[in-house]
C-alpha cells in the first residue's frame, strides 16, 4: 500500500497525520482478493462497527485459518484526506479492543 495526501489537504493537517513517503504492508479491503467460497465461510462485514468492520472480518478469517498472503507489489493507493473515517472517528479506535475480546471469547469457547 502507498499512502498519499490529497492535494487540498492543509499543511497543518499533514503535520498531524503520519503518512510515510515509502510503501508499506497493509491489509485493506480495497486490496483484498478473496474466493467466493472463503467470503461465504467468513460471512459479511459487520456493520455494527464504525471503523472496525475490516478488522473484525480479518480476525474471523484468521480464526478459520484461511490462507492469507501479502503481495510484495503495491496494489492499493490510499488517499489521505480530512474526512477519512479513521481521522473523523478517532474515538472509535476502542472498537478494536472489543473485536479482539470477541475473538478471544470465541477461541476460549472452542477450547472447552
PDB file of N, CA and C in Angstrom:
ATOM      1  N   UNK A   1       0.845  -1.161   0.000  1.00  0.00           N
ATOM      2  CA  UNK A   1       0.000   0.000   0.000  1.00  0.00           C
ATOM      3  C   UNK A   1       0.896   1.232   0.000  1.00  0.00           C
ATOM      4  N   UNK A   2       0.463   2.228  -0.720  1.00  0.00           N
ATOM      5  CA  UNK A   2       1.153   3.522  -0.716  1.00  0.00           C
ATOM      6  C   UNK A   2       0.113   4.568  -0.360  1.00  0.00           C
ATOM      7  N   UNK A   3       0.430   5.372   0.643  1.00  0.00           N
ATOM      8  CA  UNK A   3      -0.474   6.432   1.075  1.00  0.00           C
ATOM      9  C   UNK A   3       0.001   7.768   0.520  1.00  0.00           C
ATOM     10  N   UNK A   4      -0.954   8.653   0.290  1.00  0.00           N
ATOM     11  CA  UNK A   4      -0.602   9.990  -0.172  1.00  0.00           C
ATOM     12  C   UNK A   4      -1.663  10.974   0.307  1.00  0.00           C
ATOM     13  N   UNK A   5      -1.246  12.212   0.496  1.00  0.00           N
ATOM     14  CA  UNK A   5      -2.189  13.254   0.888  1.00  0.00           C
ATOM     15  C   UNK A   5      -2.925  13.772  -0.336  1.00  0.00           C
ATOM     16  N   UNK A   6      -4.201  13.990  -0.177  1.00  0.00           N
ATOM     17  CA  UNK A   6      -4.991  14.629  -1.216  1.00  0.00           C
ATOM     18  C   UNK A   6      -4.481  16.061  -1.390  1.00  0.00           C
ATOM     19  N   UNK A   7      -4.436  16.583  -2.614  1.00  0.00           N
ATOM     20  CA  UNK A   7      -3.834  17.904  -2.853  1.00  0.00           C
ATOM     21  C   UNK A   7      -4.435  19.045  -2.030  1.00  0.00           C
ATOM     22  N   UNK A   8      -5.716  18.970  -1.712  1.00  0.00           N
ATOM     23  CA  UNK A   8      -6.360  20.077  -0.994  1.00  0.00           C
ATOM     24  C   UNK A   8      -6.102  20.078   0.516  1.00  0.00           C
ATOM     25  N   UNK A   9      -5.412  19.061   1.029  1.00  0.00           N
ATOM     26  CA  UNK A   9      -5.186  18.947   2.472  1.00  0.00           C
ATOM     27  C   UNK A   9      -4.235  20.041   2.952  1.00  0.00           C
ATOM     28  N   UNK A  10      -4.655  20.724   4.010  1.00  0.00           N
ATOM     29  CA  UNK A  10      -3.862  21.821   4.580  1.00  0.00           C
ATOM     30  C   UNK A  10      -2.576  21.297   5.220  1.00  0.00           C
ATOM     31  N   UNK A  11      -1.569  22.129   5.251  1.00  0.00           N
ATOM     32  CA  UNK A  11      -0.273  21.753   5.811  1.00  0.00           C
ATOM     33  C   UNK A  11      -0.389  21.383   7.291  1.00  0.00           C
ATOM     34  N   UNK A  12      -1.214  22.095   8.047  1.00  0.00           N
ATOM     35  CA  UNK A  12      -1.369  21.782   9.476  1.00  0.00           C
ATOM     36  C   UNK A  12      -1.927  20.379   9.662  1.00  0.00           C
ATOM     37  N   UNK A  13      -2.848  19.974   8.796  1.00  0.00           N
ATOM     38  CA  UNK A  13      -3.396  18.619   8.857  1.00  0.00           C
ATOM     39  C   UNK A  13      -2.319  17.596   8.487  1.00  0.00           C
ATOM     40  N   UNK A  14      -1.557  17.888   7.456  1.00  0.00           N
ATOM     41  CA  UNK A  14      -0.480  16.987   7.029  1.00  0.00           C
ATOM     42  C   UNK A  14       0.506  16.730   8.165  1.00  0.00           C
ATOM     43  N   UNK A  15       0.788  17.761   8.938  1.00  0.00           N
ATOM     44  CA  UNK A  15       1.745  17.629  10.037  1.00  0.00           C
ATOM     45  C   UNK A  15       1.178  16.816  11.195  1.00  0.00           C
ATOM     46  N   UNK A  16      -0.135  16.671  11.266  1.00  0.00           N
ATOM     47  CA  UNK A  16      -0.754  15.946  12.376  1.00  0.00           C
ATOM     48  C   UNK A  16      -0.976  14.461  12.077  1.00  0.00           C
ATOM     49  N   UNK A  17      -0.752  14.052  10.840  1.00  0.00           N
ATOM     50  CA  UNK A  17      -1.011  12.673  10.415  1.00  0.00           C
ATOM     51  C   UNK A  17       0.281  12.043   9.899  1.00  0.00           C
ATOM     52  N   UNK A  18       0.543  10.821  10.336  1.00  0.00           N
ATOM     53  CA  UNK A  18       1.706  10.084   9.837  1.00  0.00           C
ATOM     54  C   UNK A  18       1.367   9.500   8.468  1.00  0.00           C
ATOM     55  N   UNK A  19       2.122   9.874   7.475  1.00  0.00           N
ATOM     56  CA  UNK A  19       1.923   9.381   6.113  1.00  0.00           C
ATOM     57  C   UNK A  19       3.292   9.230   5.461  1.00  0.00           C
ATOM     58  N   UNK A  20       3.896   8.037   5.555  1.00  0.00           N
ATOM     59  CA  UNK A  20       5.247   7.856   5.016  1.00  0.00           C
ATOM     60  C   UNK A  20       5.285   7.984   3.494  1.00  0.00           C
ATOM     61  N   UNK A  21       6.426   8.414   2.985  1.00  0.00           N
ATOM     62  CA  UNK A  21       6.615   8.519   1.534  1.00  0.00           C
ATOM     63  C   UNK A  21       6.780   7.149   0.879  1.00  0.00           C
ATOM     64  N   UNK A  22       7.269   6.200   1.643  1.00  0.00           N
ATOM     65  CA  UNK A  22       7.525   4.871   1.083  1.00  0.00           C
ATOM     66  C   UNK A  22       6.282   3.984   1.198  1.00  0.00           C
ATOM     67  N   UNK A  23       6.279   2.918   0.423  1.00  0.00           N
ATOM     68  CA  UNK A  23       5.177   1.960   0.516  1.00  0.00           C
ATOM     69  C   UNK A  23       5.321   1.155   1.800  1.00  0.00           C
ATOM     70  N   UNK A  24       4.223   0.547   2.216  1.00  0.00           N
ATOM     71  CA  UNK A  24       4.229  -0.244   3.436  1.00  0.00           C
ATOM     72  C   UNK A  24       3.201  -1.361   3.318  1.00  0.00           C
ATOM     73  N   UNK A  25       3.408  -2.460   4.050  1.00  0.00           N
ATOM     74  CA  UNK A  25       2.411  -3.526   4.003  1.00  0.00           C
ATOM     75  C   UNK A  25       1.109  -3.045   4.627  1.00  0.00           C
ATOM     76  N   UNK A  26       0.019  -3.505   4.101  1.00  0.00           N
ATOM     77  CA  UNK A  26      -1.269  -3.125   4.665  1.00  0.00           C
ATOM     78  C   UNK A  26      -2.350  -4.102   4.255  1.00  0.00           C
ATOM     79  N   UNK A  27      -3.074  -4.594   5.223  1.00  0.00           N
ATOM     80  CA  UNK A  27      -4.217  -5.456   4.956  1.00  0.00           C
ATOM     81  C   UNK A  27      -5.449  -4.564   4.884  1.00  0.00           C
ATOM     82  N   UNK A  28      -5.942  -4.345   3.679  1.00  0.00           N
ATOM     83  CA  UNK A  28      -7.062  -3.433   3.457  1.00  0.00           C
ATOM     84  C   UNK A  28      -8.111  -4.110   2.588  1.00  0.00           C
ATOM     85  N   UNK A  29      -9.380  -3.813   2.814  1.00  0.00           N
ATOM     86  CA  UNK A  29     -10.404  -4.414   1.955  1.00  0.00           C
ATOM     87  C   UNK A  29     -10.244  -4.015   0.491  1.00  0.00           C
ATOM     88  N   UNK A  30      -9.726  -2.839   0.232  1.00  0.00           N
ATOM     89  CA  UNK A  30      -9.545  -2.401  -1.157  1.00  0.00           C
ATOM     90  C   UNK A  30      -8.441  -3.169  -1.872  1.00  0.00           C
ATOM     91  N   UNK A  31      -7.609  -3.882  -1.133  1.00  0.00           N
ATOM     92  CA  UNK A  31      -6.530  -4.665  -1.732  1.00  0.00           C
ATOM     93  C   UNK A  31      -6.808  -6.163  -1.662  1.00  0.00           C
ATOM     94  N   UNK A  32      -7.970  -6.519  -1.172  1.00  0.00           N
ATOM     95  CA  UNK A  32      -8.286  -7.916  -0.916  1.00  0.00           C
ATOM     96  C   UNK A  32      -8.758  -8.630  -2.185  1.00  0.00           C
ATOM     97  N   UNK A  33      -8.206  -9.802  -2.403  1.00  0.00           N
ATOM     98  CA  UNK A  33      -8.723 -10.720  -3.420  1.00  0.00           C
ATOM     99  C   UNK A  33      -9.107 -11.979  -2.662  1.00  0.00           C
ATOM    100  N   UNK A  34     -10.363 -12.367  -2.763  1.00  0.00           N
ATOM    101  CA  UNK A  34     -10.841 -13.497  -1.975  1.00  0.00           C
ATOM    102  C   UNK A  34     -11.769 -14.359  -2.830  1.00  0.00           C
ATOM    103  N   UNK A  35     -11.645 -15.652  -2.661  1.00  0.00           N
ATOM    104  CA  UNK A  35     -12.544 -16.567  -3.359  1.00  0.00           C
ATOM    105  C   UNK A  35     -13.939 -16.460  -2.750  1.00  0.00           C
ATOM    106  N   UNK A  36     -14.926 -16.652  -3.592  1.00  0.00           N
ATOM    107  CA  UNK A  36     -16.314 -16.531  -3.143  1.00  0.00           C
ATOM    108  C   UNK A  36     -16.611 -17.505  -1.998  1.00  0.00           C
ATOM    109  N   UNK A  37     -16.086 -18.717  -2.089  1.00  0.00           N
ATOM    110  CA  UNK A  37     -16.320 -19.716  -1.044  1.00  0.00           C
ATOM    111  C   UNK A  37     -15.767 -19.240   0.301  1.00  0.00           C
ATOM    112  N   UNK A  38     -14.587 -18.625   0.262  1.00  0.00           N
ATOM    113  CA  UNK A  38     -13.983 -18.115   1.501  1.00  0.00           C
ATOM    114  C   UNK A  38     -14.809 -16.972   2.066  1.00  0.00           C
ATOM    115  N   UNK A  39     -15.303 -16.110   1.200  1.00  0.00           N
ATOM    116  CA  UNK A  39     -16.134 -14.995   1.647  1.00  0.00           C
ATOM    117  C   UNK A  39     -17.387 -15.511   2.344  1.00  0.00           C
ATOM    118  N   UNK A  40     -17.996 -16.541   1.788  1.00  0.00           N
ATOM    119  CA  UNK A  40     -19.189 -17.107   2.417  1.00  0.00           C
ATOM    120  C   UNK A  40     -18.856 -17.794   3.741  1.00  0.00           C
ATOM    121  N   UNK A  41     -17.683 -18.406   3.840  1.00  0.00           N
ATOM    122  CA  UNK A  41     -17.287 -19.043   5.106  1.00  0.00           C
ATOM    123  C   UNK A  41     -17.128 -18.020   6.217  1.00  0.00           C
ATOM    124  N   UNK A  42     -16.487 -16.912   5.911  1.00  0.00           N
ATOM    125  CA  UNK A  42     -16.238 -15.877   6.927  1.00  0.00           C
ATOM    126  C   UNK A  42     -17.512 -15.100   7.224  1.00  0.00           C
ATOM    127  N   UNK A  43     -18.281 -14.810   6.205  1.00  0.00           N
ATOM    128  CA  UNK A  43     -19.502 -14.026   6.377  1.00  0.00           C
ATOM    129  C   UNK A  43     -19.287 -12.577   5.975  1.00  0.00           C
ATOM    130  N   UNK A  44     -20.338 -11.820   6.112  1.00  0.00           N
ATOM    131  CA  UNK A  44     -20.323 -10.427   5.686  1.00  0.00           C
ATOM    132  C   UNK A  44     -19.540  -9.547   6.656  1.00  0.00           C
ATOM    133  N   UNK A  45     -19.247  -8.343   6.187  1.00  0.00           N
ATOM    134  CA  UNK A  45     -18.683  -7.332   7.074  1.00  0.00           C
ATOM    135  C   UNK A  45     -19.763  -6.947   8.074  1.00  0.00           C
ATOM    136  N   UNK A  46     -19.382  -6.812   9.336  1.00  0.00           N
ATOM    137  CA  UNK A  46     -20.333  -6.490  10.399  1.00  0.00           C
ATOM    138  C   UNK A  46     -20.487  -4.978  10.493  1.00  0.00           C
ATOM    139  N   UNK A  47     -21.657  -4.484  10.154  1.00  0.00           N
ATOM    140  CA  UNK A  47     -21.881  -3.035  10.084  1.00  0.00           C
ATOM    141  C   UNK A  47     -22.072  -2.370  11.444  1.00  0.00           C
ATOM    142  N   UNK A  48     -22.022  -3.141  12.526  1.00  0.00           N
ATOM    143  CA  UNK A  48     -22.148  -2.506  13.846  1.00  0.00           C
ATOM    144  C   UNK A  48     -20.922  -1.661  14.202  1.00  0.00           C
ATOM    145  N   UNK A  49     -19.799  -1.918  13.529  1.00  0.00           N
ATOM    146  CA  UNK A  49     -18.562  -1.211  13.841  1.00  0.00           C
ATOM    147  C   UNK A  49     -18.437   0.048  13.000  1.00  0.00           C
ATOM    148  N   UNK A  50     -18.005   1.139  13.628  1.00  0.00           N
ATOM    149  CA  UNK A  50     -17.796   2.397  12.918  1.00  0.00           C
ATOM    150  C   UNK A  50     -16.557   2.339  12.027  1.00  0.00           C
ATOM    151  N   UNK A  51     -15.455   1.842  12.572  1.00  0.00           N
ATOM    152  CA  UNK A  51     -14.218   1.750  11.788  1.00  0.00           C
ATOM    153  C   UNK A  51     -13.604   0.354  11.835  1.00  0.00           C
ATOM    154  N   UNK A  52     -14.190  -0.552  12.586  1.00  0.00           N
ATOM    155  CA  UNK A  52     -13.582  -1.859  12.784  1.00  0.00           C
ATOM    156  C   UNK A  52     -14.155  -2.985  11.948  1.00  0.00           C
ATOM    157  N   UNK A  53     -14.993  -2.668  10.962  1.00  0.00           N
ATOM    158  CA  UNK A  53     -15.621  -3.739  10.184  1.00  0.00           C
ATOM    159  C   UNK A  53     -14.591  -4.604   9.460  1.00  0.00           C
ATOM    160  N   UNK A  54     -13.527  -3.987   8.970  1.00  0.00           N
ATOM    161  CA  UNK A  54     -12.482  -4.751   8.283  1.00  0.00           C
ATOM    162  C   UNK A  54     -11.677  -5.580   9.277  1.00  0.00           C
ATOM    163  N   UNK A  55     -11.294  -4.993  10.395  1.00  0.00           N
ATOM    164  CA  UNK A  55     -10.524  -5.732  11.404  1.00  0.00           C
ATOM    165  C   UNK A  55     -11.321  -6.932  11.899  1.00  0.00           C
ATOM    166  N   UNK A  56     -12.602  -6.744  12.115  1.00  0.00           N
ATOM    167  CA  UNK A  56     -13.464  -7.832  12.561  1.00  0.00           C
ATOM    168  C   UNK A  56     -13.508  -8.955  11.523  1.00  0.00           C
ATOM    169  N   UNK A  57     -13.670  -8.601  10.252  1.00  0.00           N
ATOM    170  CA  UNK A  57     -13.723  -9.612   9.194  1.00  0.00           C
ATOM    171  C   UNK A  57     -12.386 -10.352   9.106  1.00  0.00           C
ATOM    172  N   UNK A  58     -11.294  -9.614   9.173  1.00  0.00           N
ATOM    173  CA  UNK A  58      -9.965 -10.210   9.061  1.00  0.00           C
ATOM    174  C   UNK A  58      -9.694 -11.177  10.219  1.00  0.00           C
ATOM    175  N   UNK A  59     -10.078 -10.810  11.424  1.00  0.00           N
ATOM    176  CA  UNK A  59      -9.885 -11.686  12.585  1.00  0.00           C
ATOM    177  C   UNK A  59     -10.684 -12.972  12.399  1.00  0.00           C
ATOM    178  N   UNK A  60     -11.920 -12.854  11.944  1.00  0.00           N
ATOM    179  CA  UNK A  60     -12.743 -14.051  11.715  1.00  0.00           C
ATOM    180  C   UNK A  60     -12.140 -14.936  10.620  1.00  0.00           C
ATOM    181  N   UNK A  61     -11.588 -14.330   9.571  1.00  0.00           N
ATOM    182  CA  UNK A  61     -10.924 -15.106   8.516  1.00  0.00           C
ATOM    183  C   UNK A  61      -9.702 -15.834   9.082  1.00  0.00           C
ATOM    184  N   UNK A  62      -8.953 -15.175   9.929  1.00  0.00           N
ATOM    185  CA  UNK A  62      -7.772 -15.788  10.558  1.00  0.00           C
ATOM    186  C   UNK A  62      -8.174 -16.957  11.448  1.00  0.00           C
ATOM    187  N   UNK A  63      -9.272 -16.790  12.175  1.00  0.00           N
ATOM    188  CA  UNK A  63      -9.750 -17.867  13.049  1.00  0.00           C
ATOM    189  C   UNK A  63     -10.106 -19.115  12.248  1.00  0.00           C
ATOM    190  N   UNK A  64     -10.566 -18.924  11.019  1.00  0.00           N
ATOM    191  CA  UNK A  64     -10.916 -20.048  10.152  1.00  0.00           C
ATOM    192  C   UNK A  64      -9.701 -20.609   9.415  1.00  0.00           C
ATOM    193  N   UNK A  65      -8.530 -20.052   9.705  1.00  0.00           N
ATOM    194  CA  UNK A  65      -7.263 -20.499   9.114  1.00  0.00           C
ATOM    195  C   UNK A  65      -7.261 -20.364   7.587  1.00  0.00           C
ATOM    196  N   UNK A  66      -7.896 -19.321   7.088  1.00  0.00           N
ATOM    197  CA  UNK A  66      -7.855 -19.072   5.649  1.00  0.00           C
ATOM    198  C   UNK A  66      -6.435 -18.694   5.242  1.00  0.00           C
ATOM    199  N   UNK A  67      -6.067 -19.067   4.047  1.00  0.00           N
ATOM    200  CA  UNK A  67      -4.733 -18.741   3.532  1.00  0.00           C
ATOM    201  C   UNK A  67      -4.688 -17.248   3.213  1.00  0.00           C
ATOM    202  N   UNK A  68      -3.854 -16.518   3.932  1.00  0.00           N
ATOM    203  CA  UNK A  68      -3.731 -15.071   3.754  1.00  0.00           C
ATOM    204  C   UNK A  68      -2.304 -14.783   3.318  1.00  0.00           C
ATOM    205  N   UNK A  69      -2.179 -14.045   2.237  1.00  0.00           N
ATOM    206  CA  UNK A  69      -0.855 -13.783   1.686  1.00  0.00           C
ATOM    207  C   UNK A  69      -0.714 -12.296   1.386  1.00  0.00           C
ATOM    208  N   UNK A  70       0.448 -11.756   1.695  1.00  0.00           N
ATOM    209  CA  UNK A  70       0.771 -10.359   1.390  1.00  0.00           C
ATOM    210  C   UNK A  70       1.624 -10.341   0.128  1.00  0.00           C
ATOM    211  N   UNK A  71       1.176  -9.619  -0.875  1.00  0.00           N
ATOM    212  CA  UNK A  71       1.950  -9.488  -2.111  1.00  0.00           C
ATOM    213  C   UNK A  71       3.006  -8.401  -1.951  1.00  0.00           C
ATOM    214  N   UNK A  72       4.167  -8.555  -2.586  1.00  0.00           N
ATOM    215  CA  UNK A  72       5.206  -7.530  -2.457  1.00  0.00           C
ATOM    216  C   UNK A  72       4.910  -6.269  -3.276  1.00  0.00           C
ATOM    217  N   UNK A  73       4.050  -6.379  -4.279  1.00  0.00           N
ATOM    218  CA  UNK A  73       3.742  -5.232  -5.131  1.00  0.00           C
ATOM    219  C   UNK A  73       2.736  -4.298  -4.459  1.00  0.00           C
ATOM    220  N   UNK A  74       2.761  -3.045  -4.869  1.00  0.00           N
ATOM    221  CA  UNK A  74       1.744  -2.092  -4.422  1.00  0.00           C
ATOM    222  C   UNK A  74       0.482  -2.367  -5.226  1.00  0.00           C
ATOM    223  N   UNK A  75      -0.589  -2.684  -4.526  1.00  0.00           N
ATOM    224  CA  UNK A  75      -1.861  -2.939  -5.208  1.00  0.00           C
ATOM    225  C   UNK A  75      -2.935  -1.929  -4.805  1.00  0.00           C
ATOM    226  N   UNK A  76      -2.617  -1.069  -3.849  1.00  0.00           N
ATOM    227  CA  UNK A  76      -3.586  -0.073  -3.390  1.00  0.00           C
ATOM    228  C   UNK A  76      -2.897   1.258  -3.133  1.00  0.00           C
ATOM    229  N   UNK A  77      -3.526   2.311  -3.591  1.00  0.00           N
ATOM    230  CA  UNK A  77      -3.126   3.675  -3.239  1.00  0.00           C
ATOM    231  C   UNK A  77      -4.194   4.214  -2.297  1.00  0.00           C
ATOM    232  N   UNK A  78      -3.773   4.687  -1.138  1.00  0.00           N
ATOM    233  CA  UNK A  78      -4.716   5.183  -0.127  1.00  0.00           C
ATOM    234  C   UNK A  78      -4.573   6.693  -0.009  1.00  0.00           C
ATOM    235  N   UNK A  79      -5.638   7.383  -0.386  1.00  0.00           N
ATOM    236  CA  UNK A  79      -5.646   8.847  -0.340  1.00  0.00           C
ATOM    237  C   UNK A  79      -6.034   9.305   1.064  1.00  0.00           C
ATOM    238  N   UNK A  80      -5.191  10.117   1.676  1.00  0.00           N
ATOM    239  CA  UNK A  80      -5.471  10.677   2.996  1.00  0.00           C
ATOM    240  C   UNK A  80      -6.098  12.051   2.799  1.00  0.00           C
ATOM    241  N   UNK A  81      -7.284  12.211   3.362  1.00  0.00           N
ATOM    242  CA  UNK A  81      -7.987  13.490   3.280  1.00  0.00           C
ATOM    243  C   UNK A  81      -8.628  13.771   4.630  1.00  0.00           C
ATOM    244  N   UNK A  82      -9.125  14.959   4.813  1.00  0.00           N
ATOM    245  CA  UNK A  82      -9.609  15.371   6.130  1.00  0.00           C
ATOM    246  C   UNK A  82     -10.912  14.706   6.541  1.00  0.00           C
ATOM    247  N   UNK A  83     -11.553  13.974   5.645  1.00  0.00           N
ATOM    248  CA  UNK A  83     -12.785  13.285   6.025  1.00  0.00           C
ATOM    249  C   UNK A  83     -12.629  11.764   6.012  1.00  0.00           C
ATOM    250  N   UNK A  84     -11.385  11.256   6.088  1.00  0.00           N
ATOM    251  CA  UNK A  84     -11.166   9.820   6.254  1.00  0.00           C
ATOM    252  C   UNK A  84     -11.874   9.353   7.522  1.00  0.00           C
ATOM    253  N   UNK A  85     -12.485   8.153   7.471  1.00  0.00           N
ATOM    254  CA  UNK A  85     -13.158   7.629   8.661  1.00  0.00           C
ATOM    255  C   UNK A  85     -12.202   7.530   9.844  1.00  0.00           C
ATOM    256  N   UNK A  86     -10.992   7.095   9.601  1.00  0.00           N
ATOM    257  CA  UNK A  86     -10.013   6.953  10.681  1.00  0.00           C
ATOM    258  C   UNK A  86      -9.629   8.268  11.321  1.00  0.00           C
ATOM    259  N   UNK A  87      -9.763   9.350  10.568  1.00  0.00           N
ATOM    260  CA  UNK A  87      -9.459  10.684  11.092  1.00  0.00           C
ATOM    261  C   UNK A  87     -10.654  11.228  11.863  1.00  0.00           C
ATOM    262  N   UNK A  88     -11.832  11.107  11.277  1.00  0.00           N
ATOM    263  CA  UNK A  88     -13.035  11.676  11.887  1.00  0.00           C
ATOM    264  C   UNK A  88     -13.515  10.893  13.102  1.00  0.00           C
ATOM    265  N   UNK A  89     -13.225   9.611  13.142  1.00  0.00           N
ATOM    266  CA  UNK A  89     -13.768   8.764  14.201  1.00  0.00           C
ATOM    267  C   UNK A  89     -12.666   8.178  15.074  1.00  0.00           C
ATOM    268  N   UNK A  90     -11.744   9.005  15.474  1.00  0.00           N
ATOM    269  CA  UNK A  90     -10.615   8.551  16.308  1.00  0.00           C
ATOM    270  C   UNK A  90     -11.093   7.856  17.584  1.00  0.00           C
ATOM    271  N   UNK A  91     -12.193   8.332  18.157  1.00  0.00           N
ATOM    272  CA  UNK A  91     -12.691   7.735  19.398  1.00  0.00           C
ATOM    273  C   UNK A  91     -13.165   6.301  19.186  1.00  0.00           C
ATOM    274  N   UNK A  92     -13.478   5.953  17.949  1.00  0.00           N
ATOM    275  CA  UNK A  92     -13.954   4.603  17.653  1.00  0.00           C
ATOM    276  C   UNK A  92     -12.831   3.575  17.618  1.00  0.00           C
ATOM    277  N   UNK A  93     -11.595   4.007  17.752  1.00  0.00           N
ATOM    278  CA  UNK A  93     -10.462   3.078  17.737  1.00  0.00           C
ATOM    279  C   UNK A  93     -10.606   2.038  18.843  1.00  0.00           C
ATOM    280  N   UNK A  94     -11.299   2.387  19.918  1.00  0.00           N
ATOM    281  CA  UNK A  94     -11.511   1.428  21.008  1.00  0.00           C
ATOM    282  C   UNK A  94     -12.322   0.217  20.543  1.00  0.00           C
ATOM    283  N   UNK A  95     -12.953   0.307  19.375  1.00  0.00           N
ATOM    284  CA  UNK A  95     -13.660  -0.849  18.824  1.00  0.00           C
ATOM    285  C   UNK A  95     -12.721  -2.032  18.653  1.00  0.00           C
ATOM    286  N   UNK A  96     -11.470  -1.759  18.337  1.00  0.00           N
ATOM    287  CA  UNK A  96     -10.524  -2.845  18.113  1.00  0.00           C
ATOM    288  C   UNK A  96     -10.373  -3.713  19.365  1.00  0.00           C
ATOM    289  N   UNK A  97     -10.444  -3.121  20.526  1.00  0.00           N
ATOM    290  CA  UNK A  97     -10.358  -3.885  21.773  1.00  0.00           C
ATOM    291  C   UNK A  97     -11.542  -4.839  21.876  1.00  0.00           C
ATOM    292  N   UNK A  98     -12.731  -4.357  21.536  1.00  0.00           N
ATOM    293  CA  UNK A  98     -13.929  -5.199  21.593  1.00  0.00           C
ATOM    294  C   UNK A  98     -13.865  -6.324  20.552  1.00  0.00           C
ATOM    295  N   UNK A  99     -13.324  -6.027  19.392  1.00  0.00           N
ATOM    296  CA  UNK A  99     -13.182  -7.041  18.342  1.00  0.00           C
ATOM    297  C   UNK A  99     -12.216  -8.132  18.794  1.00  0.00           C
ATOM    298  N   UNK A 100     -11.097  -7.748  19.383  1.00  0.00           N
ATOM    299  CA  UNK A 100     -10.127  -8.733  19.875  1.00  0.00           C
ATOM    300  C   UNK A 100     -10.691  -9.547  21.029  1.00  0.00           C
ATOM    301  N   UNK A 101     -11.447  -8.908  21.918  1.00  0.00           N
ATOM    302  CA  UNK A 101     -12.059  -9.643  23.024  1.00  0.00           C
ATOM    303  C   UNK A 101     -13.062 -10.667  22.506  1.00  0.00           C
ATOM    304  N   UNK A 102     -13.866 -10.284  21.531  1.00  0.00           N
ATOM    305  CA  UNK A 102     -14.827 -11.221  20.947  1.00  0.00           C
ATOM    306  C   UNK A 102     -14.101 -12.410  20.323  1.00  0.00           C
ATOM    307  N   UNK A 103     -12.971 -12.158  19.686  1.00  0.00           N
ATOM    308  CA  UNK A 103     -12.178 -13.236  19.103  1.00  0.00           C
ATOM    309  C   UNK A 103     -11.650 -14.170  20.192  1.00  0.00           C
ATOM    310  N   UNK A 104     -11.125 -13.595  21.253  1.00  0.00           N
ATOM    311  CA  UNK A 104     -10.637 -14.422  22.371  1.00  0.00           C
ATOM    312  C   UNK A 104     -11.763 -15.244  22.971  1.00  0.00           C
ATOM    313  N   UNK A 105     -12.936 -14.650  23.130  1.00  0.00           N
ATOM    314  CA  UNK A 105     -14.087 -15.374  23.673  1.00  0.00           C
ATOM    315  C   UNK A 105     -14.465 -16.551  22.776  1.00  0.00           C
ATOM    316  N   UNK A 106     -14.464 -16.346  21.450  1.00  0.00           N
ATOM    317  CA  UNK A 106     -14.782 -17.440  20.524  1.00  0.00           C
ATOM    318  C   UNK A 106     -13.749 -18.556  20.640  1.00  0.00           C
ATOM    319  N   UNK A 107     -12.477 -18.193  20.748  1.00  0.00           N
ATOM    320  CA  UNK A 107     -11.417 -19.202  20.850  1.00  0.00           C
ATOM    321  C   UNK A 107     -11.524 -19.980  22.162  1.00  0.00           C
ATOM    322  N   UNK A 108     -11.838 -19.285  23.239  1.00  0.00           N
ATOM    323  CA  UNK A 108     -11.999 -19.965  24.534  1.00  0.00           C
ATOM    324  C   UNK A 108     -13.169 -20.937  24.490  1.00  0.00           C
ATOM    325  N   UNK A 109     -14.233 -20.545  23.813  1.00  0.00           N
ATOM    326  CA  UNK A 109     -15.412 -21.399  23.700  1.00  0.00           C
ATOM    327  C   UNK A 109     -15.076 -22.678  22.936  1.00  0.00           C
ATOM    328  N   UNK A 110     -14.253 -22.566  21.899  1.00  0.00           N
ATOM    329  CA  UNK A 110     -13.845 -23.730  21.103  1.00  0.00           C
ATOM    330  C   UNK A 110     -12.970 -24.663  21.923  1.00  0.00           C
ATOM    331  N   UNK A 111     -12.109 -24.104  22.777  1.00  0.00           N
ATOM    332  CA  UNK A 111     -11.166 -24.908  23.563  1.00  0.00           C
ATOM    333  C   UNK A 111     -11.850 -25.708  24.660  1.00  0.00           C
ATOM    334  N   UNK A 112     -13.050 -25.323  25.064  1.00  0.00           N
ATOM    335  CA  UNK A 112     -13.742 -26.034  26.161  1.00  0.00           C
ATOM    336  C   UNK A 112     -14.256 -27.376  25.731  1.00  0.00           C
TER     337      UNK A 112
END
